[in-house]
PDB file of N, CA and C in Angstrom:
ATOM      1  N   PHE A   1     144.688  39.260  77.863  1.00  0.00           N
ATOM      2  CA  PHE A   1     145.580  40.415  77.857  1.00  0.00           C
ATOM      3  C   PHE A   1     144.762  41.677  77.677  1.00  0.00           C
ATOM      4  N   SER A   2     144.869  42.607  78.623  1.00  0.00           N
ATOM      5  CA  SER A   2     144.131  43.859  78.494  1.00  0.00           C
ATOM      6  C   SER A   2     145.106  45.011  78.402  1.00  0.00           C
ATOM      7  N   SER A   3     144.721  46.000  77.667  1.00  0.00           N
ATOM      8  CA  SER A   3     145.562  47.181  77.477  1.00  0.00           C
ATOM      9  C   SER A   3     145.532  48.048  78.727  1.00  0.00           C
ATOM     10  N   SER A   4     146.692  48.421  79.234  1.00  0.00           N
ATOM     11  CA  SER A   4     146.736  49.284  80.408  1.00  0.00           C
ATOM     12  C   SER A   4     146.289  50.697  80.047  1.00  0.00           C
ATOM     13  N   LEU A   5     146.323  51.023  78.750  1.00  0.00           N
ATOM     14  CA  LEU A   5     145.875  52.334  78.291  1.00  0.00           C
ATOM     15  C   LEU A   5     144.383  52.504  78.558  1.00  0.00           C
ATOM     16  N   GLU A   6     143.619  51.446  78.302  1.00  0.00           N
ATOM     17  CA  GLU A   6     142.174  51.497  78.534  1.00  0.00           C
ATOM     18  C   GLU A   6     141.858  51.702  80.011  1.00  0.00           C
ATOM     19  N   GLU A   7     142.573  50.999  80.870  1.00  0.00           N
ATOM     20  CA  GLU A   7     142.312  51.085  82.300  1.00  0.00           C
ATOM     21  C   GLU A   7     142.695  52.448  82.866  1.00  0.00           C
ATOM     22  N   ALA A   8     143.719  53.078  82.317  1.00  0.00           N
ATOM     23  CA  ALA A   8     144.221  54.339  82.848  1.00  0.00           C
ATOM     24  C   ALA A   8     143.336  55.528  82.481  1.00  0.00           C
ATOM     25  N   ALA A   9     142.583  55.431  81.386  1.00  0.00           N
ATOM     26  CA  ALA A   9     141.769  56.559  80.942  1.00  0.00           C
ATOM     27  C   ALA A   9     140.473  56.630  81.742  1.00  0.00           C
ATOM     28  N   PRO A  10     140.296  57.693  82.551  1.00  0.00           N
ATOM     29  CA  PRO A  10     139.049  57.807  83.314  1.00  0.00           C
ATOM     30  C   PRO A  10     137.885  58.174  82.396  1.00  0.00           C
ATOM     31  N   ALA A  11     136.706  57.719  82.752  1.00  0.00           N
ATOM     32  CA  ALA A  11     135.526  58.026  81.947  1.00  0.00           C
ATOM     33  C   ALA A  11     135.160  59.490  82.143  1.00  0.00           C
ATOM     34  N   PRO A  12     134.710  60.172  81.082  1.00  0.00           N
ATOM     35  CA  PRO A  12     134.270  61.560  81.242  1.00  0.00           C
ATOM     36  C   PRO A  12     133.109  61.655  82.231  1.00  0.00           C
ATOM     37  N   VAL A  13     133.029  62.753  82.954  1.00  0.00           N
ATOM     38  CA  VAL A  13     132.004  62.947  83.973  1.00  0.00           C
ATOM     39  C   VAL A  13     130.596  62.779  83.400  1.00  0.00           C
ATOM     40  N   ALA A  14     130.357  63.322  82.214  1.00  0.00           N
ATOM     41  CA  ALA A  14     129.018  63.314  81.634  1.00  0.00           C
ATOM     42  C   ALA A  14     128.554  61.904  81.251  1.00  0.00           C
ATOM     43  N   GLU A  15     129.457  60.945  81.203  1.00  0.00           N
ATOM     44  CA  GLU A  15     129.109  59.595  80.773  1.00  0.00           C
ATOM     45  C   GLU A  15     128.976  58.627  81.948  1.00  0.00           C
ATOM     46  N   ALA A  16     128.823  59.138  83.147  1.00  0.00           N
ATOM     47  CA  ALA A  16     128.773  58.292  84.335  1.00  0.00           C
ATOM     48  C   ALA A  16     127.549  57.385  84.328  1.00  0.00           C
ATOM     49  N   ALA A  17     127.620  56.324  85.130  1.00  0.00           N
ATOM     50  CA  ALA A  17     126.495  55.403  85.245  1.00  0.00           C
ATOM     51  C   ALA A  17     125.287  56.150  85.818  1.00  0.00           C
ATOM     52  N   PRO A  18     124.089  55.815  85.344  1.00  0.00           N
ATOM     53  CA  PRO A  18     122.915  56.543  85.840  1.00  0.00           C
ATOM     54  C   PRO A  18     122.700  56.315  87.331  1.00  0.00           C
ATOM     55  N   PRO A  19     122.304  57.355  88.056  1.00  0.00           N
ATOM     56  CA  PRO A  19     122.034  57.227  89.486  1.00  0.00           C
ATOM     57  C   PRO A  19     120.701  56.521  89.720  1.00  0.00           C
ATOM     58  N   PRO A  20     120.351  56.240  90.963  1.00  0.00           N
ATOM     59  CA  PRO A  20     119.072  55.598  91.235  1.00  0.00           C
ATOM     60  C   PRO A  20     117.909  56.418  90.674  1.00  0.00           C
ATOM     61  N   VAL A  21     116.840  55.743  90.310  1.00  0.00           N
ATOM     62  CA  VAL A  21     115.666  56.409  89.737  1.00  0.00           C
ATOM     63  C   VAL A  21     115.164  57.489  90.693  1.00  0.00           C
ATOM     64  N   GLY A  22     114.819  58.646  90.135  1.00  0.00           N
ATOM     65  CA  GLY A  22     114.299  59.725  90.947  1.00  0.00           C
ATOM     66  C   GLY A  22     115.367  60.627  91.525  1.00  0.00           C
ATOM     67  N   GLU A  23     116.629  60.280  91.302  1.00  0.00           N
ATOM     68  CA  GLU A  23     117.704  61.091  91.846  1.00  0.00           C
ATOM     69  C   GLU A  23     118.663  61.555  90.765  1.00  0.00           C
ATOM     70  N   ALA A  24     118.174  61.644  89.552  1.00  0.00           N
ATOM     71  CA  ALA A  24     119.018  62.073  88.448  1.00  0.00           C
ATOM     72  C   ALA A  24     118.836  63.565  88.204  1.00  0.00           C
ATOM     73  N   TYR A  25     119.936  64.220  87.842  1.00  0.00           N
ATOM     74  CA  TYR A  25     119.926  65.659  87.597  1.00  0.00           C
ATOM     75  C   TYR A  25     120.593  65.966  86.263  1.00  0.00           C
ATOM     76  N   ASN A  26     120.133  67.043  85.637  1.00  0.00           N
ATOM     77  CA  ASN A  26     120.780  67.586  84.454  1.00  0.00           C
ATOM     78  C   ASN A  26     121.440  68.891  84.873  1.00  0.00           C
ATOM     79  N   VAL A  27     122.579  69.202  84.257  1.00  0.00           N
ATOM     80  CA  VAL A  27     123.315  70.423  84.594  1.00  0.00           C
ATOM     81  C   VAL A  27     123.403  71.298  83.345  1.00  0.00           C
ATOM     82  N   PHE A  28     123.062  72.572  83.519  1.00  0.00           N
ATOM     83  CA  PHE A  28     123.091  73.541  82.430  1.00  0.00           C
ATOM     84  C   PHE A  28     123.828  74.795  82.866  1.00  0.00           C
ATOM     85  N   LEU A  29     124.434  75.461  81.905  1.00  0.00           N
ATOM     86  CA  LEU A  29     124.984  76.791  82.136  1.00  0.00           C
ATOM     87  C   LEU A  29     124.155  77.774  81.329  1.00  0.00           C
ATOM     88  N   SER A  30     124.115  79.012  81.785  1.00  0.00           N
ATOM     89  CA  SER A  30     123.477  80.064  81.013  1.00  0.00           C
ATOM     90  C   SER A  30     124.468  80.570  79.981  1.00  0.00           C
ATOM     91  N   LYS A  31     123.965  81.351  79.023  1.00  0.00           N
ATOM     92  CA  LYS A  31     124.813  81.893  77.975  1.00  0.00           C
ATOM     93  C   LYS A  31     126.019  82.611  78.577  1.00  0.00           C
ATOM     94  N   ILE A  32     127.175  82.429  77.959  1.00  0.00           N
ATOM     95  CA  ILE A  32     128.400  83.074  78.411  1.00  0.00           C
ATOM     96  C   ILE A  32     128.460  84.446  77.735  1.00  0.00           C
ATOM     97  N   THR A  33     128.187  85.481  78.495  1.00  0.00           N
ATOM     98  CA  THR A  33     128.153  86.832  77.922  1.00  0.00           C
ATOM     99  C   THR A  33     129.524  87.500  77.970  1.00  0.00           C
ATOM    100  N   ASP A  34     130.385  87.050  78.865  1.00  0.00           N
ATOM    101  CA  ASP A  34     131.719  87.627  78.994  1.00  0.00           C
ATOM    102  C   ASP A  34     132.670  86.914  78.029  1.00  0.00           C
ATOM    103  N   ARG A  35     132.946  87.563  76.910  1.00  0.00           N
ATOM    104  CA  ARG A  35     133.787  86.938  75.882  1.00  0.00           C
ATOM    105  C   ARG A  35     135.178  86.575  76.400  1.00  0.00           C
ATOM    106  N   SER A  36     135.675  87.322  77.378  1.00  0.00           N
ATOM    107  CA  SER A  36     137.008  87.051  77.910  1.00  0.00           C
ATOM    108  C   SER A  36     137.062  85.712  78.655  1.00  0.00           C
ATOM    109  N   LYS A  37     135.899  85.205  79.061  1.00  0.00           N
ATOM    110  CA  LYS A  37     135.854  83.929  79.789  1.00  0.00           C
ATOM    111  C   LYS A  37     135.522  82.740  78.890  1.00  0.00           C
ATOM    112  N   GLN A  38     135.131  83.008  77.644  1.00  0.00           N
ATOM    113  CA  GLN A  38     134.669  81.916  76.780  1.00  0.00           C
ATOM    114  C   GLN A  38     135.689  80.805  76.600  1.00  0.00           C
ATOM    115  N   GLU A  39     136.958  81.155  76.425  1.00  0.00           N
ATOM    116  CA  GLU A  39     137.970  80.119  76.202  1.00  0.00           C
ATOM    117  C   GLU A  39     138.162  79.266  77.450  1.00  0.00           C
ATOM    118  N   LYS A  40     138.202  79.893  78.616  1.00  0.00           N
ATOM    119  CA  LYS A  40     138.362  79.163  79.871  1.00  0.00           C
ATOM    120  C   LYS A  40     137.160  78.239  80.099  1.00  0.00           C
ATOM    121  N   VAL A  41     135.967  78.754  79.809  1.00  0.00           N
ATOM    122  CA  VAL A  41     134.749  77.948  79.946  1.00  0.00           C
ATOM    123  C   VAL A  41     134.782  76.783  78.964  1.00  0.00           C
ATOM    124  N   ALA A  42     135.201  77.041  77.733  1.00  0.00           N
ATOM    125  CA  ALA A  42     135.273  75.980  76.716  1.00  0.00           C
ATOM    126  C   ALA A  42     136.209  74.862  77.166  1.00  0.00           C
ATOM    127  N   GLU A  43     137.342  75.230  77.764  1.00  0.00           N
ATOM    128  CA  GLU A  43     138.286  74.212  78.246  1.00  0.00           C
ATOM    129  C   GLU A  43     137.653  73.346  79.328  1.00  0.00           C
ATOM    130  N   LEU A  44     136.921  73.983  80.232  1.00  0.00           N
ATOM    131  CA  LEU A  44     136.287  73.220  81.310  1.00  0.00           C
ATOM    132  C   LEU A  44     135.138  72.365  80.777  1.00  0.00           C
ATOM    133  N   ILE A  45     134.358  72.893  79.844  1.00  0.00           N
ATOM    134  CA  ILE A  45     133.275  72.106  79.230  1.00  0.00           C
ATOM    135  C   ILE A  45     133.874  70.876  78.558  1.00  0.00           C
ATOM    136  N   SER A  46     134.959  71.074  77.825  1.00  0.00           N
ATOM    137  CA  SER A  46     135.614  69.968  77.133  1.00  0.00           C
ATOM    138  C   SER A  46     136.034  68.880  78.116  1.00  0.00           C
ATOM    139  N   LYS A  47     136.600  69.300  79.240  1.00  0.00           N
ATOM    140  CA  LYS A  47     137.063  68.349  80.265  1.00  0.00           C
ATOM    141  C   LYS A  47     135.878  67.615  80.902  1.00  0.00           C
ATOM    142  N   VAL A  48     134.834  68.366  81.277  1.00  0.00           N
ATOM    143  CA  VAL A  48     133.698  67.780  81.983  1.00  0.00           C
ATOM    144  C   VAL A  48     132.877  66.870  81.067  1.00  0.00           C
ATOM    145  N   LYS A  49     132.615  67.325  79.842  1.00  0.00           N
ATOM    146  CA  LYS A  49     131.785  66.549  78.918  1.00  0.00           C
ATOM    147  C   LYS A  49     132.571  65.478  78.162  1.00  0.00           C
ATOM    148  N   GLY A  50     133.888  65.625  78.126  1.00  0.00           N
ATOM    149  CA  GLY A  50     134.690  64.670  77.360  1.00  0.00           C
ATOM    150  C   GLY A  50     134.531  64.894  75.865  1.00  0.00           C
ATOM    151  N   CYS A  51     134.301  66.157  75.457  1.00  0.00           N
ATOM    152  CA  CYS A  51     134.153  66.469  74.033  1.00  0.00           C
ATOM    153  C   CYS A  51     135.370  67.262  73.562  1.00  0.00           C
ATOM    154  N   SER A  52     135.440  67.510  72.260  1.00  0.00           N
ATOM    155  CA  SER A  52     136.569  68.273  71.720  1.00  0.00           C
ATOM    156  C   SER A  52     136.462  69.737  72.125  1.00  0.00           C
ATOM    157  N   ILE A  53     137.587  70.426  72.105  1.00  0.00           N
ATOM    158  CA  ILE A  53     137.600  71.844  72.459  1.00  0.00           C
ATOM    159  C   ILE A  53     136.765  72.651  71.453  1.00  0.00           C
ATOM    160  N   ASN A  54     136.766  72.244  70.185  1.00  0.00           N
ATOM    161  CA  ASN A  54     135.966  72.957  69.178  1.00  0.00           C
ATOM    162  C   ASN A  54     134.472  72.810  69.455  1.00  0.00           C
ATOM    163  N   GLU A  55     134.049  71.613  69.830  1.00  0.00           N
ATOM    164  CA  GLU A  55     132.648  71.391  70.177  1.00  0.00           C
ATOM    165  C   GLU A  55     132.281  72.228  71.412  1.00  0.00           C
ATOM    166  N   ALA A  56     133.187  72.273  72.375  1.00  0.00           N
ATOM    167  CA  ALA A  56     132.955  73.053  73.594  1.00  0.00           C
ATOM    168  C   ALA A  56     132.853  74.539  73.268  1.00  0.00           C
ATOM    169  N   ARG A  57     133.700  75.017  72.362  1.00  0.00           N
ATOM    170  CA  ARG A  57     133.632  76.440  71.967  1.00  0.00           C
ATOM    171  C   ARG A  57     132.285  76.749  71.326  1.00  0.00           C
ATOM    172  N   ASP A  58     131.788  75.845  70.491  1.00  0.00           N
ATOM    173  CA  ASP A  58     130.471  76.039  69.866  1.00  0.00           C
ATOM    174  C   ASP A  58     129.385  76.132  70.932  1.00  0.00           C
ATOM    175  N   LEU A  59     129.489  75.303  71.962  1.00  0.00           N
ATOM    176  CA  LEU A  59     128.494  75.303  73.030  1.00  0.00           C
ATOM    177  C   LEU A  59     128.464  76.636  73.780  1.00  0.00           C
ATOM    178  N   THR A  60     129.616  77.296  73.906  1.00  0.00           N
ATOM    179  CA  THR A  60     129.659  78.551  74.667  1.00  0.00           C
ATOM    180  C   THR A  60     128.858  79.662  74.003  1.00  0.00           C
ATOM    181  N   THR A  61     128.481  79.491  72.747  1.00  0.00           N
ATOM    182  CA  THR A  61     127.709  80.526  72.056  1.00  0.00           C
ATOM    183  C   THR A  61     126.201  80.303  72.190  1.00  0.00           C
ATOM    184  N   ARG A  62     125.799  79.194  72.781  1.00  0.00           N
ATOM    185  CA  ARG A  62     124.371  78.885  72.915  1.00  0.00           C
ATOM    186  C   ARG A  62     123.734  79.623  74.079  1.00  0.00           C
ATOM    187  N   LEU A  63     122.422  79.788  74.004  1.00  0.00           N
ATOM    188  CA  LEU A  63     121.670  80.458  75.061  1.00  0.00           C
ATOM    189  C   LEU A  63     121.668  79.617  76.334  1.00  0.00           C
ATOM    190  N   VAL A  64     121.451  78.311  76.173  1.00  0.00           N
ATOM    191  CA  VAL A  64     121.502  77.365  77.288  1.00  0.00           C
ATOM    192  C   VAL A  64     122.518  76.297  76.902  1.00  0.00           C
ATOM    193  N   ILE A  65     123.449  76.035  77.798  1.00  0.00           N
ATOM    194  CA  ILE A  65     124.539  75.099  77.501  1.00  0.00           C
ATOM    195  C   ILE A  65     124.365  73.824  78.325  1.00  0.00           C
ATOM    196  N   PRO A  66     124.014  72.696  77.675  1.00  0.00           N
ATOM    197  CA  PRO A  66     123.886  71.440  78.420  1.00  0.00           C
ATOM    198  C   PRO A  66     125.270  70.902  78.779  1.00  0.00           C
ATOM    199  N   ILE A  67     125.451  70.568  80.058  1.00  0.00           N
ATOM    200  CA  ILE A  67     126.759  70.091  80.512  1.00  0.00           C
ATOM    201  C   ILE A  67     126.720  68.607  80.844  1.00  0.00           C
ATOM    202  N   ALA A  68     125.711  68.169  81.598  1.00  0.00           N
ATOM    203  CA  ALA A  68     125.624  66.755  81.988  1.00  0.00           C
ATOM    204  C   ALA A  68     124.158  66.363  82.086  1.00  0.00           C
ATOM    205  N   LYS A  69     123.876  65.104  81.779  1.00  0.00           N
ATOM    206  CA  LYS A  69     122.508  64.590  81.873  1.00  0.00           C
ATOM    207  C   LYS A  69     122.487  63.354  82.747  1.00  0.00           C
ATOM    208  N   ASN A  70     121.424  63.256  83.539  1.00  0.00           N
ATOM    209  CA  ASN A  70     121.182  62.070  84.362  1.00  0.00           C
ATOM    210  C   ASN A  70     122.361  61.711  85.268  1.00  0.00           C
ATOM    211  N   VAL A  71     122.854  62.708  86.006  1.00  0.00           N
ATOM    212  CA  VAL A  71     123.942  62.442  86.954  1.00  0.00           C
ATOM    213  C   VAL A  71     123.401  62.552  88.376  1.00  0.00           C
ATOM    214  N   ALA A  72     124.119  61.969  89.316  1.00  0.00           N
ATOM    215  CA  ALA A  72     123.716  62.027  90.722  1.00  0.00           C
ATOM    216  C   ALA A  72     123.807  63.467  91.223  1.00  0.00           C
ATOM    217  N   LYS A  73     123.054  63.778  92.264  1.00  0.00           N
ATOM    218  CA  LYS A  73     123.021  65.133  92.821  1.00  0.00           C
ATOM    219  C   LYS A  73     124.420  65.608  93.208  1.00  0.00           C
ATOM    220  N   GLU A  74     125.182  64.762  93.877  1.00  0.00           N
ATOM    221  CA  GLU A  74     126.523  65.139  94.312  1.00  0.00           C
ATOM    222  C   GLU A  74     127.408  65.473  93.112  1.00  0.00           C
ATOM    223  N   GLN A  75     127.270  64.686  92.052  1.00  0.00           N
ATOM    224  CA  GLN A  75     128.061  64.905  90.852  1.00  0.00           C
ATOM    225  C   GLN A  75     127.653  66.221  90.182  1.00  0.00           C
ATOM    226  N   ALA A  76     126.346  66.498  90.139  1.00  0.00           N
ATOM    227  CA  ALA A  76     125.849  67.750  89.559  1.00  0.00           C
ATOM    228  C   ALA A  76     126.391  68.940  90.337  1.00  0.00           C
ATOM    229  N   GLU A  77     126.387  68.835  91.666  1.00  0.00           N
ATOM    230  CA  GLU A  77     126.903  69.920  92.507  1.00  0.00           C
ATOM    231  C   GLU A  77     128.404  70.117  92.290  1.00  0.00           C
ATOM    232  N   GLU A  78     129.128  69.030  92.122  1.00  0.00           N
ATOM    233  CA  GLU A  78     130.572  69.096  91.874  1.00  0.00           C
ATOM    234  C   GLU A  78     130.852  69.801  90.542  1.00  0.00           C
ATOM    235  N   ILE A  79     130.092  69.448  89.510  1.00  0.00           N
ATOM    236  CA  ILE A  79     130.263  70.072  88.194  1.00  0.00           C
ATOM    237  C   ILE A  79     130.001  71.578  88.295  1.00  0.00           C
ATOM    238  N   LEU A  80     128.887  71.942  88.938  1.00  0.00           N
ATOM    239  CA  LEU A  80     128.566  73.370  89.092  1.00  0.00           C
ATOM    240  C   LEU A  80     129.655  74.079  89.886  1.00  0.00           C
ATOM    241  N   GLY A  81     130.206  73.404  90.877  1.00  0.00           N
ATOM    242  CA  GLY A  81     131.273  73.985  91.685  1.00  0.00           C
ATOM    243  C   GLY A  81     132.511  74.309  90.866  1.00  0.00           C
ATOM    244  N   GLN A  82     132.833  73.443  89.905  1.00  0.00           N
ATOM    245  CA  GLN A  82     133.995  73.693  89.045  1.00  0.00           C
ATOM    246  C   GLN A  82     133.794  74.963  88.233  1.00  0.00           C
ATOM    247  N   PHE A  83     132.583  75.159  87.723  1.00  0.00           N
ATOM    248  CA  PHE A  83     132.305  76.364  86.934  1.00  0.00           C
ATOM    249  C   PHE A  83     132.232  77.600  87.833  1.00  0.00           C
ATOM    250  N   LYS A  84     131.720  77.420  89.045  1.00  0.00           N
ATOM    251  CA  LYS A  84     131.609  78.548  89.978  1.00  0.00           C
ATOM    252  C   LYS A  84     132.993  79.110  90.317  1.00  0.00           C
ATOM    253  N   LYS A  85     134.009  78.239  90.349  1.00  0.00           N
ATOM    254  CA  LYS A  85     135.374  78.680  90.645  1.00  0.00           C
ATOM    255  C   LYS A  85     135.867  79.708  89.629  1.00  0.00           C
ATOM    256  N   ILE A  86     135.368  79.632  88.389  1.00  0.00           N
ATOM    257  CA  ILE A  86     135.769  80.610  87.370  1.00  0.00           C
ATOM    258  C   ILE A  86     134.649  81.633  87.140  1.00  0.00           C
ATOM    259  N   LYS A  87     133.788  81.754  88.143  1.00  0.00           N
ATOM    260  CA  LYS A  87     132.706  82.743  88.157  1.00  0.00           C
ATOM    261  C   LYS A  87     131.704  82.573  87.009  1.00  0.00           C
ATOM    262  N   ILE A  88     131.412  81.319  86.680  1.00  0.00           N
ATOM    263  CA  ILE A  88     130.381  80.987  85.698  1.00  0.00           C
ATOM    264  C   ILE A  88     129.318  80.199  86.449  1.00  0.00           C
ATOM    265  N   PHE A  89     128.086  80.633  86.330  1.00  0.00           N
ATOM    266  CA  PHE A  89     127.027  80.021  87.113  1.00  0.00           C
ATOM    267  C   PHE A  89     126.045  79.274  86.223  1.00  0.00           C
ATOM    268  N   GLY A  90     125.539  78.196  86.770  1.00  0.00           N
ATOM    269  CA  GLY A  90     124.599  77.371  86.039  1.00  0.00           C
ATOM    270  C   GLY A  90     123.528  76.874  87.001  1.00  0.00           C
ATOM    271  N   ARG A  91     122.827  75.851  86.558  1.00  0.00           N
ATOM    272  CA  ARG A  91     121.791  75.286  87.408  1.00  0.00           C
ATOM    273  C   ARG A  91     121.696  73.785  87.161  1.00  0.00           C
ATOM    274  N   MET A  92     121.112  73.128  88.157  1.00  0.00           N
ATOM    275  CA  MET A  92     120.854  71.707  87.988  1.00  0.00           C
ATOM    276  C   MET A  92     119.349  71.505  88.154  1.00  0.00           C
ATOM    277  N   THR A  93     118.803  70.657  87.313  1.00  0.00           N
ATOM    278  CA  THR A  93     117.371  70.387  87.379  1.00  0.00           C
ATOM    279  C   THR A  93     117.179  68.901  87.591  1.00  0.00           C
ATOM    280  N   LYS A  94     116.227  68.568  88.446  1.00  0.00           N
ATOM    281  CA  LYS A  94     115.944  67.177  88.731  1.00  0.00           C
ATOM    282  C   LYS A  94     115.194  66.569  87.550  1.00  0.00           C
ATOM    283  N   VAL A  95     115.633  65.393  87.131  1.00  0.00           N
ATOM    284  CA  VAL A  95     114.972  64.687  86.041  1.00  0.00           C
ATOM    285  C   VAL A  95     113.699  64.068  86.577  1.00  0.00           C
ATOM    286  N   LYS A  96     112.604  64.333  85.899  1.00  0.00           N
ATOM    287  CA  LYS A  96     111.313  63.801  86.358  1.00  0.00           C
ATOM    288  C   LYS A  96     111.048  62.428  85.795  1.00  0.00           C
TER     289      LYS A  96
END
């Protein structure tokens, strides 16, 4: 007997299975200087990372904000695209 609740809950983006070796990317945002956008950014960080809104709010005050680690290139681009929609820009770096 398995709980349907477990099956229905999608895994957070940041916790995805690691991509093939040599194709992993980390995603970062730069410091959020526009205070009017901090709450919107915090909500999206919370959704993408699967963390609490309070943890996400704390992250918005950092100089560099880690969003995802060791994700596939397509996934990294998708994450950056979500932030770009609210005019927040970041970068993805290839894991060496």
